[in-house]
Amino acid sequence: MKKSIGTFLILFSCGLLIACGGDKKEKTAADIAAEWCELNGKVAKATEGAEKEAARAAIKKWENEIEAKYKDNEAFIKEIQNEAEKCEAASEGR
């Protein structure tokens, strides 16, 4: 009886680790560019004043985080920029 409970606990623990560890999917350049375009749209749609400044601060913070994360991968940064150009006009309502 003790052996089967121990085996069950070990298998259950392994199952939990597998279930919780599967969310570490790397983002593609298109995913990252879509995030930027969403933030850029918020800047474009924000009214002047505090709302606009908050949106600008949010996009600047996000850009700094992305640049820090991918600073050693210049090709990936360029790919993100190319993807962002595709949606920039639409995010600004042009």
PDB file of N, CA and C in Angstrom:
ATOM      1  N   MET A   1       0.816  -1.190   0.000  1.00  0.00           N
ATOM      2  CA  MET A   1       0.000   0.000   0.000  1.00  0.00           C
ATOM      3  C   MET A   1       0.869   1.268   0.000  1.00  0.00           C
ATOM      4  N   LYS A   2       1.914   1.268   0.852  1.00  0.00           N
ATOM      5  CA  LYS A   2       2.804   2.432   0.898  1.00  0.00           C
ATOM      6  C   LYS A   2       3.511   2.640  -0.435  1.00  0.00           C
ATOM      7  N   LYS A   3       3.865   1.529  -1.056  1.00  0.00           N
ATOM      8  CA  LYS A   3       4.577   1.612  -2.324  1.00  0.00           C
ATOM      9  C   LYS A   3       3.694   2.236  -3.408  1.00  0.00           C
ATOM     10  N   SER A   4       2.432   1.872  -3.458  1.00  0.00           N
ATOM     11  CA  SER A   4       1.546   2.406  -4.490  1.00  0.00           C
ATOM     12  C   SER A   4       1.226   3.882  -4.230  1.00  0.00           C
ATOM     13  N   ILE A   5       1.141   4.308  -2.979  1.00  0.00           N
ATOM     14  CA  ILE A   5       0.919   5.717  -2.684  1.00  0.00           C
ATOM     15  C   ILE A   5       2.149   6.533  -3.069  1.00  0.00           C
ATOM     16  N   GLY A   6       3.334   6.018  -2.761  1.00  0.00           N
ATOM     17  CA  GLY A   6       4.573   6.691  -3.122  1.00  0.00           C
ATOM     18  C   GLY A   6       4.722   6.812  -4.625  1.00  0.00           C
ATOM     19  N   THR A   7       4.407   5.743  -5.331  1.00  0.00           N
ATOM     20  CA  THR A   7       4.478   5.752  -6.795  1.00  0.00           C
ATOM     21  C   THR A   7       3.485   6.762  -7.360  1.00  0.00           C
ATOM     22  N   PHE A   8       2.290   6.774  -6.801  1.00  0.00           N
ATOM     23  CA  PHE A   8       1.280   7.727  -7.262  1.00  0.00           C
ATOM     24  C   PHE A   8       1.757   9.169  -7.054  1.00  0.00           C
ATOM     25  N   LEU A   9       2.327   9.466  -5.898  1.00  0.00           N
ATOM     26  CA  LEU A   9       2.800  10.821  -5.621  1.00  0.00           C
ATOM     27  C   LEU A   9       3.925  11.237  -6.559  1.00  0.00           C
ATOM     28  N   ILE A  10       4.821  10.318  -6.851  1.00  0.00           N
ATOM     29  CA  ILE A  10       5.909  10.625  -7.777  1.00  0.00           C
ATOM     30  C   ILE A  10       5.362  10.899  -9.176  1.00  0.00           C
ATOM     31  N   LEU A  11       4.463  10.061  -9.649  1.00  0.00           N
ATOM     32  CA  LEU A  11       3.874  10.257 -10.973  1.00  0.00           C
ATOM     33  C   LEU A  11       3.050  11.544 -11.025  1.00  0.00           C
ATOM     34  N   PHE A  12       2.310  11.819  -9.963  1.00  0.00           N
ATOM     35  CA  PHE A  12       1.510  13.034  -9.906  1.00  0.00           C
ATOM     36  C   PHE A  12       2.408  14.274  -9.943  1.00  0.00           C
ATOM     37  N   SER A  13       3.506  14.247  -9.204  1.00  0.00           N
ATOM     38  CA  SER A  13       4.450  15.368  -9.191  1.00  0.00           C
ATOM     39  C   SER A  13       5.060  15.591 -10.573  1.00  0.00           C
ATOM     40  N   CYS A  14       5.446  14.515 -11.227  1.00  0.00           N
ATOM     41  CA  CYS A  14       6.006  14.627 -12.584  1.00  0.00           C
ATOM     42  C   CYS A  14       4.978  15.215 -13.549  1.00  0.00           C
ATOM     43  N   GLY A  15       3.747  14.782 -13.417  1.00  0.00           N
ATOM     44  CA  GLY A  15       2.680  15.315 -14.264  1.00  0.00           C
ATOM     45  C   GLY A  15       2.476  16.801 -14.057  1.00  0.00           C
ATOM     46  N   LEU A  16       2.528  17.244 -12.814  1.00  0.00           N
ATOM     47  CA  LEU A  16       2.397  18.675 -12.532  1.00  0.00           C
ATOM     48  C   LEU A  16       3.547  19.470 -13.127  1.00  0.00           C
ATOM     49  N   LEU A  17       4.750  18.960 -13.016  1.00  0.00           N
ATOM     50  CA  LEU A  17       5.908  19.655 -13.572  1.00  0.00           C
ATOM     51  C   LEU A  17       5.803  19.780 -15.086  1.00  0.00           C
ATOM     52  N   ILE A  18       5.359  18.740 -15.722  1.00  0.00           N
ATOM     53  CA  ILE A  18       5.203  18.771 -17.180  1.00  0.00           C
ATOM     54  C   ILE A  18       4.107  19.756 -17.571  1.00  0.00           C
ATOM     55  N   ALA A  19       3.007  19.735 -16.854  1.00  0.00           N
ATOM     56  CA  ALA A  19       1.881  20.613 -17.180  1.00  0.00           C
ATOM     57  C   ALA A  19       2.235  22.084 -16.971  1.00  0.00           C
ATOM     58  N   CYS A  20       2.987  22.383 -15.962  1.00  0.00           N
ATOM     59  CA  CYS A  20       3.323  23.777 -15.654  1.00  0.00           C
ATOM     60  C   CYS A  20       4.496  24.292 -16.479  1.00  0.00           C
ATOM     61  N   GLY A  21       5.325  23.422 -16.982  1.00  0.00           N
ATOM     62  CA  GLY A  21       6.522  23.860 -17.686  1.00  0.00           C
ATOM     63  C   GLY A  21       6.346  24.062 -19.169  1.00  0.00           C
ATOM     64  N   GLY A  22       5.197  23.818 -19.727  1.00  0.00           N
ATOM     65  CA  GLY A  22       5.004  23.894 -21.164  1.00  0.00           C
ATOM     66  C   GLY A  22       4.691  25.269 -21.712  1.00  0.00           C
ATOM     67  N   ASP A  23       4.610  26.280 -20.868  1.00  0.00           N
ATOM     68  CA  ASP A  23       4.212  27.615 -21.326  1.00  0.00           C
ATOM     69  C   ASP A  23       5.385  28.499 -21.730  1.00  0.00           C
ATOM     70  N   LYS A  24       6.552  27.979 -21.881  1.00  0.00           N
ATOM     71  CA  LYS A  24       7.754  28.766 -22.144  1.00  0.00           C
ATOM     72  C   LYS A  24       8.033  28.899 -23.641  1.00  0.00           C
ATOM     73  N   LYS A  25       6.995  29.140 -24.428  1.00  0.00           N
ATOM     74  CA  LYS A  25       7.158  29.267 -25.873  1.00  0.00           C
ATOM     75  C   LYS A  25       7.830  30.593 -26.214  1.00  0.00           C
ATOM     76  N   GLU A  26       8.843  30.552 -27.036  1.00  0.00           N
ATOM     77  CA  GLU A  26       9.535  31.774 -27.470  1.00  0.00           C
ATOM     78  C   GLU A  26       8.620  32.568 -28.393  1.00  0.00           C
ATOM     79  N   LYS A  27       8.643  33.865 -28.231  1.00  0.00           N
ATOM     80  CA  LYS A  27       7.853  34.737 -29.086  1.00  0.00           C
ATOM     81  C   LYS A  27       8.570  34.932 -30.416  1.00  0.00           C
ATOM     82  N   THR A  28       7.788  35.035 -31.464  1.00  0.00           N
ATOM     83  CA  THR A  28       8.354  35.311 -32.780  1.00  0.00           C
ATOM     84  C   THR A  28       8.459  36.826 -32.962  1.00  0.00           C
ATOM     85  N   ALA A  29       9.167  37.233 -33.986  1.00  0.00           N
ATOM     86  CA  ALA A  29       9.290  38.660 -34.293  1.00  0.00           C
ATOM     87  C   ALA A  29       7.916  39.257 -34.572  1.00  0.00           C
ATOM     88  N   ALA A  30       7.053  38.501 -35.216  1.00  0.00           N
ATOM     89  CA  ALA A  30       5.700  38.985 -35.517  1.00  0.00           C
ATOM     90  C   ALA A  30       4.892  39.178 -34.229  1.00  0.00           C
ATOM     91  N   ASP A  31       5.054  38.284 -33.254  1.00  0.00           N
ATOM     92  CA  ASP A  31       4.361  38.417 -31.966  1.00  0.00           C
ATOM     93  C   ASP A  31       4.803  39.696 -31.253  1.00  0.00           C
ATOM     94  N   ILE A  32       6.095  39.920 -31.231  1.00  0.00           N
ATOM     95  CA  ILE A  32       6.654  41.091 -30.555  1.00  0.00           C
ATOM     96  C   ILE A  32       6.229  42.371 -31.275  1.00  0.00           C
ATOM     97  N   ALA A  33       6.251  42.340 -32.597  1.00  0.00           N
ATOM     98  CA  ALA A  33       5.835  43.509 -33.378  1.00  0.00           C
ATOM     99  C   ALA A  33       4.351  43.804 -33.143  1.00  0.00           C
ATOM    100  N   ALA A  34       3.542  42.779 -33.014  1.00  0.00           N
ATOM    101  CA  ALA A  34       2.115  42.977 -32.748  1.00  0.00           C
ATOM    102  C   ALA A  34       1.911  43.655 -31.394  1.00  0.00           C
ATOM    103  N   GLU A  35       2.716  43.285 -30.402  1.00  0.00           N
ATOM    104  CA  GLU A  35       2.646  43.946 -29.096  1.00  0.00           C
ATOM    105  C   GLU A  35       2.994  45.430 -29.240  1.00  0.00           C
ATOM    106  N   TRP A  36       4.058  45.718 -30.007  1.00  0.00           N
ATOM    107  CA  TRP A  36       4.457  47.102 -30.214  1.00  0.00           C
ATOM    108  C   TRP A  36       3.349  47.884 -30.910  1.00  0.00           C
ATOM    109  N   CYS A  37       2.749  47.287 -31.920  1.00  0.00           N
ATOM    110  CA  CYS A  37       1.691  47.969 -32.665  1.00  0.00           C
ATOM    111  C   CYS A  37       0.480  48.255 -31.773  1.00  0.00           C
ATOM    112  N   GLU A  38       0.191  47.335 -30.874  1.00  0.00           N
ATOM    113  CA  GLU A  38      -0.913  47.559 -29.933  1.00  0.00           C
ATOM    114  C   GLU A  38      -0.605  48.761 -29.032  1.00  0.00           C
ATOM    115  N   LEU A  39       0.619  48.809 -28.503  1.00  0.00           N
ATOM    116  CA  LEU A  39       1.017  49.944 -27.660  1.00  0.00           C
ATOM    117  C   LEU A  39       1.057  51.242 -28.465  1.00  0.00           C
ATOM    118  N   ASN A  40       1.531  51.168 -29.689  1.00  0.00           N
ATOM    119  CA  ASN A  40       1.592  52.343 -30.554  1.00  0.00           C
ATOM    120  C   ASN A  40       0.187  52.866 -30.848  1.00  0.00           C
ATOM    121  N   GLY A  41      -0.746  51.957 -31.016  1.00  0.00           N
ATOM    122  CA  GLY A  41      -2.140  52.353 -31.225  1.00  0.00           C
ATOM    123  C   GLY A  41      -2.706  53.082 -30.019  1.00  0.00           C
ATOM    124  N   LYS A  42      -2.317  52.636 -28.829  1.00  0.00           N
ATOM    125  CA  LYS A  42      -2.784  53.309 -27.615  1.00  0.00           C
ATOM    126  C   LYS A  42      -2.227  54.725 -27.534  1.00  0.00           C
ATOM    127  N   VAL A  43      -0.981  54.894 -27.972  1.00  0.00           N
ATOM    128  CA  VAL A  43      -0.383  56.236 -27.988  1.00  0.00           C
ATOM    129  C   VAL A  43      -1.145  57.110 -28.986  1.00  0.00           C
ATOM    130  N   ALA A  44      -1.435  56.581 -30.159  1.00  0.00           N
ATOM    131  CA  ALA A  44      -2.116  57.357 -31.198  1.00  0.00           C
ATOM    132  C   ALA A  44      -3.536  57.736 -30.785  1.00  0.00           C
ATOM    133  N   LYS A  45      -4.216  56.839 -30.069  1.00  0.00           N
ATOM    134  CA  LYS A  45      -5.613  57.078 -29.695  1.00  0.00           C
ATOM    135  C   LYS A  45      -5.764  57.877 -28.410  1.00  0.00           C
ATOM    136  N   ALA A  46      -4.706  57.985 -27.630  1.00  0.00           N
ATOM    137  CA  ALA A  46      -4.785  58.689 -26.350  1.00  0.00           C
ATOM    138  C   ALA A  46      -5.002  60.177 -26.573  1.00  0.00           C
ATOM    139  N   THR A  47      -5.798  60.745 -25.689  1.00  0.00           N
ATOM    140  CA  THR A  47      -5.984  62.192 -25.751  1.00  0.00           C
ATOM    141  C   THR A  47      -4.748  62.864 -25.168  1.00  0.00           C
ATOM    142  N   GLU A  48      -4.603  64.122 -25.453  1.00  0.00           N
ATOM    143  CA  GLU A  48      -3.428  64.859 -24.963  1.00  0.00           C
ATOM    144  C   GLU A  48      -3.399  64.877 -23.438  1.00  0.00           C
ATOM    145  N   GLY A  49      -2.227  65.143 -22.905  1.00  0.00           N
ATOM    146  CA  GLY A  49      -2.088  65.268 -21.456  1.00  0.00           C
ATOM    147  C   GLY A  49      -1.557  64.007 -20.809  1.00  0.00           C
ATOM    148  N   ALA A  50      -2.057  63.729 -19.639  1.00  0.00           N
ATOM    149  CA  ALA A  50      -1.550  62.621 -18.824  1.00  0.00           C
ATOM    150  C   ALA A  50      -1.741  61.263 -19.507  1.00  0.00           C
ATOM    151  N   GLU A  51      -2.871  61.094 -20.175  1.00  0.00           N
ATOM    152  CA  GLU A  51      -3.138  59.816 -20.848  1.00  0.00           C
ATOM    153  C   GLU A  51      -2.108  59.551 -21.949  1.00  0.00           C
ATOM    154  N   LYS A  52      -1.809  60.574 -22.727  1.00  0.00           N
ATOM    155  CA  LYS A  52      -0.837  60.450 -23.818  1.00  0.00           C
ATOM    156  C   LYS A  52       0.559  60.189 -23.255  1.00  0.00           C
ATOM    157  N   GLU A  53       0.927  60.910 -22.203  1.00  0.00           N
ATOM    158  CA  GLU A  53       2.244  60.727 -21.590  1.00  0.00           C
ATOM    159  C   GLU A  53       2.383  59.330 -20.984  1.00  0.00           C
ATOM    160  N   ALA A  54       1.329  58.823 -20.382  1.00  0.00           N
ATOM    161  CA  ALA A  54       1.359  57.473 -19.806  1.00  0.00           C
ATOM    162  C   ALA A  54       1.536  56.426 -20.901  1.00  0.00           C
ATOM    163  N   ALA A  55       0.859  56.612 -22.022  1.00  0.00           N
ATOM    164  CA  ALA A  55       0.983  55.679 -23.149  1.00  0.00           C
ATOM    165  C   ALA A  55       2.393  55.723 -23.730  1.00  0.00           C
ATOM    166  N   ARG A  56       2.952  56.928 -23.843  1.00  0.00           N
ATOM    167  CA  ARG A  56       4.323  57.063 -24.352  1.00  0.00           C
ATOM    168  C   ARG A  56       5.327  56.411 -23.405  1.00  0.00           C
ATOM    169  N   ALA A  57       5.122  56.595 -22.108  1.00  0.00           N
ATOM    170  CA  ALA A  57       6.011  55.987 -21.116  1.00  0.00           C
ATOM    171  C   ALA A  57       5.929  54.461 -21.178  1.00  0.00           C
ATOM    172  N   ALA A  58       4.720  53.937 -21.377  1.00  0.00           N
ATOM    173  CA  ALA A  58       4.537  52.488 -21.446  1.00  0.00           C
ATOM    174  C   ALA A  58       5.257  51.900 -22.659  1.00  0.00           C
ATOM    175  N   ILE A  59       5.143  52.561 -23.814  1.00  0.00           N
ATOM    176  CA  ILE A  59       5.795  52.033 -25.013  1.00  0.00           C
ATOM    177  C   ILE A  59       7.316  52.151 -24.893  1.00  0.00           C
ATOM    178  N   LYS A  60       7.795  53.224 -24.286  1.00  0.00           N
ATOM    179  CA  LYS A  60       9.240  53.398 -24.106  1.00  0.00           C
ATOM    180  C   LYS A  60       9.794  52.321 -23.162  1.00  0.00           C
ATOM    181  N   LYS A  61       9.080  52.049 -22.089  1.00  0.00           N
ATOM    182  CA  LYS A  61       9.490  51.002 -21.138  1.00  0.00           C
ATOM    183  C   LYS A  61       9.532  49.648 -21.839  1.00  0.00           C
ATOM    184  N   TRP A  62       8.491  49.364 -22.611  1.00  0.00           N
ATOM    185  CA  TRP A  62       8.422  48.092 -23.334  1.00  0.00           C
ATOM    186  C   TRP A  62       9.570  47.977 -24.329  1.00  0.00           C
ATOM    187  N   GLU A  63       9.847  49.050 -25.073  1.00  0.00           N
ATOM    188  CA  GLU A  63      10.946  49.039 -26.048  1.00  0.00           C
ATOM    189  C   GLU A  63      12.290  48.785 -25.365  1.00  0.00           C
ATOM    190  N   ASN A  64      12.505  49.422 -24.216  1.00  0.00           N
ATOM    191  CA  ASN A  64      13.754  49.212 -23.470  1.00  0.00           C
ATOM    192  C   ASN A  64      13.898  47.765 -23.009  1.00  0.00           C
ATOM    193  N   GLU A  65      12.795  47.161 -22.557  1.00  0.00           N
ATOM    194  CA  GLU A  65      12.828  45.767 -22.125  1.00  0.00           C
ATOM    195  C   GLU A  65      13.163  44.834 -23.290  1.00  0.00           C
ATOM    196  N   ILE A  66      12.557  45.075 -24.435  1.00  0.00           N
ATOM    197  CA  ILE A  66      12.803  44.232 -25.611  1.00  0.00           C
ATOM    198  C   ILE A  66      14.246  44.401 -26.093  1.00  0.00           C
ATOM    199  N   GLU A  67      14.723  45.645 -26.136  1.00  0.00           N
ATOM    200  CA  GLU A  67      16.103  45.880 -26.567  1.00  0.00           C
ATOM    201  C   GLU A  67      17.100  45.226 -25.613  1.00  0.00           C
ATOM    202  N   ALA A  68      16.819  45.270 -24.324  1.00  0.00           N
ATOM    203  CA  ALA A  68      17.711  44.629 -23.350  1.00  0.00           C
ATOM    204  C   ALA A  68      17.681  43.107 -23.494  1.00  0.00           C
ATOM    205  N   LYS A  69      16.500  42.567 -23.734  1.00  0.00           N
ATOM    206  CA  LYS A  69      16.357  41.109 -23.842  1.00  0.00           C
ATOM    207  C   LYS A  69      17.054  40.560 -25.085  1.00  0.00           C
ATOM    208  N   TYR A  70      16.972  41.283 -26.188  1.00  0.00           N
ATOM    209  CA  TYR A  70      17.506  40.786 -27.459  1.00  0.00           C
ATOM    210  C   TYR A  70      18.716  41.586 -27.939  1.00  0.00           C
ATOM    211  N   LYS A  71      19.433  42.236 -27.033  1.00  0.00           N
ATOM    212  CA  LYS A  71      20.550  43.108 -27.424  1.00  0.00           C
ATOM    213  C   LYS A  71      21.656  42.373 -28.166  1.00  0.00           C
ATOM    214  N   ASP A  72      21.808  41.093 -27.925  1.00  0.00           N
ATOM    215  CA  ASP A  72      22.862  40.326 -28.586  1.00  0.00           C
ATOM    216  C   ASP A  72      22.417  39.698 -29.901  1.00  0.00           C
ATOM    217  N   ASN A  73      21.178  39.935 -30.295  1.00  0.00           N
ATOM    218  CA  ASN A  73      20.635  39.322 -31.499  1.00  0.00           C
ATOM    219  C   ASN A  73      20.156  40.419 -32.456  1.00  0.00           C
ATOM    220  N   GLU A  74      21.103  41.055 -33.113  1.00  0.00           N
ATOM    221  CA  GLU A  74      20.818  42.190 -33.997  1.00  0.00           C
ATOM    222  C   GLU A  74      19.883  41.803 -35.148  1.00  0.00           C
ATOM    223  N   ALA A  75      20.044  40.614 -35.662  1.00  0.00           N
ATOM    224  CA  ALA A  75      19.199  40.163 -36.779  1.00  0.00           C
ATOM    225  C   ALA A  75      17.734  40.048 -36.334  1.00  0.00           C
ATOM    226  N   PHE A  76      17.513  39.558 -35.124  1.00  0.00           N
ATOM    227  CA  PHE A  76      16.150  39.412 -34.608  1.00  0.00           C
ATOM    228  C   PHE A  76      15.533  40.795 -34.373  1.00  0.00           C
ATOM    229  N   ILE A  77      16.316  41.728 -33.854  1.00  0.00           N
ATOM    230  CA  ILE A  77      15.825  43.101 -33.654  1.00  0.00           C
ATOM    231  C   ILE A  77      15.406  43.699 -34.997  1.00  0.00           C
ATOM    232  N   LYS A  78      16.207  43.480 -36.022  1.00  0.00           N
ATOM    233  CA  LYS A  78      15.886  43.990 -37.364  1.00  0.00           C
ATOM    234  C   LYS A  78      14.598  43.346 -37.884  1.00  0.00           C
ATOM    235  N   GLU A  79      14.426  42.072 -37.623  1.00  0.00           N
ATOM    236  CA  GLU A  79      13.223  41.364 -38.055  1.00  0.00           C
ATOM    237  C   GLU A  79      11.984  41.932 -37.344  1.00  0.00           C
ATOM    238  N   ILE A  80      12.125  42.244 -36.065  1.00  0.00           N
ATOM    239  CA  ILE A  80      11.025  42.858 -35.318  1.00  0.00           C
ATOM    240  C   ILE A  80      10.673  44.211 -35.927  1.00  0.00           C
ATOM    241  N   GLN A  81      11.684  45.004 -36.240  1.00  0.00           N
ATOM    242  CA  GLN A  81      11.449  46.319 -36.842  1.00  0.00           C
ATOM    243  C   GLN A  81      10.732  46.199 -38.178  1.00  0.00           C
ATOM    244  N   ASN A  82      11.133  45.232 -38.988  1.00  0.00           N
ATOM    245  CA  ASN A  82      10.481  45.020 -40.285  1.00  0.00           C
ATOM    246  C   ASN A  82       9.018  44.630 -40.105  1.00  0.00           C
ATOM    247  N   GLU A  83       8.749  43.764 -39.135  1.00  0.00           N
ATOM    248  CA  GLU A  83       7.364  43.348 -38.870  1.00  0.00           C
ATOM    249  C   GLU A  83       6.543  44.522 -38.340  1.00  0.00           C
ATOM    250  N   ALA A  84       7.159  45.344 -37.500  1.00  0.00           N
ATOM    251  CA  ALA A  84       6.446  46.492 -36.922  1.00  0.00           C
ATOM    252  C   ALA A  84       6.085  47.517 -37.992  1.00  0.00           C
ATOM    253  N   GLU A  85       6.941  47.677 -38.987  1.00  0.00           N
ATOM    254  CA  GLU A  85       6.646  48.612 -40.072  1.00  0.00           C
ATOM    255  C   GLU A  85       5.376  48.228 -40.815  1.00  0.00           C
ATOM    256  N   LYS A  86       5.103  46.925 -40.875  1.00  0.00           N
ATOM    257  CA  LYS A  86       3.925  46.453 -41.595  1.00  0.00           C
ATOM    258  C   LYS A  86       2.621  46.882 -40.923  1.00  0.00           C
ATOM    259  N   CYS A  87       2.645  47.013 -39.598  1.00  0.00           N
ATOM    260  CA  CYS A  87       1.404  47.332 -38.899  1.00  0.00           C
ATOM    261  C   CYS A  87       1.391  48.739 -38.302  1.00  0.00           C
ATOM    262  N   GLU A  88       2.459  49.487 -38.496  1.00  0.00           N
ATOM    263  CA  GLU A  88       2.555  50.813 -37.880  1.00  0.00           C
ATOM    264  C   GLU A  88       1.443  51.750 -38.343  1.00  0.00           C
ATOM    265  N   ALA A  89       1.230  51.857 -39.628  1.00  0.00           N
ATOM    266  CA  ALA A  89       0.203  52.780 -40.149  1.00  0.00           C
ATOM    267  C   ALA A  89      -1.185  52.398 -39.638  1.00  0.00           C
ATOM    268  N   ALA A  90      -1.487  51.129 -39.637  1.00  0.00           N
ATOM    269  CA  ALA A  90      -2.794  50.686 -39.170  1.00  0.00           C
ATOM    270  C   ALA A  90      -2.980  50.968 -37.680  1.00  0.00           C
ATOM    271  N   SER A  91      -1.913  50.808 -36.901  1.00  0.00           N
ATOM    272  CA  SER A  91      -2.030  51.043 -35.462  1.00  0.00           C
ATOM    273  C   SER A  91      -2.238  52.519 -35.154  1.00  0.00           C
ATOM    274  N   GLU A  92      -1.801  53.382 -36.058  1.00  0.00           N
ATOM    275  CA  GLU A  92      -1.974  54.828 -35.869  1.00  0.00           C
ATOM    276  C   GLU A  92      -3.249  55.344 -36.520  1.00  0.00           C
ATOM    277  N   GLY A  93      -3.989  54.459 -37.155  1.00  0.00           N
ATOM    278  CA  GLY A  93      -5.261  54.847 -37.768  1.00  0.00           C
ATOM    279  C   GLY A  93      -5.118  55.525 -39.114  1.00  0.00           C
ATOM    280  N   ARG A  94      -3.969  55.302 -39.774  1.00  0.00           N
ATOM    281  CA  ARG A  94      -3.772  55.915 -41.105  1.00  0.00           C
ATOM    282  C   ARG A  94      -4.219  54.988 -42.196  1.00  0.00           C
TER     283      ARG A  94
END
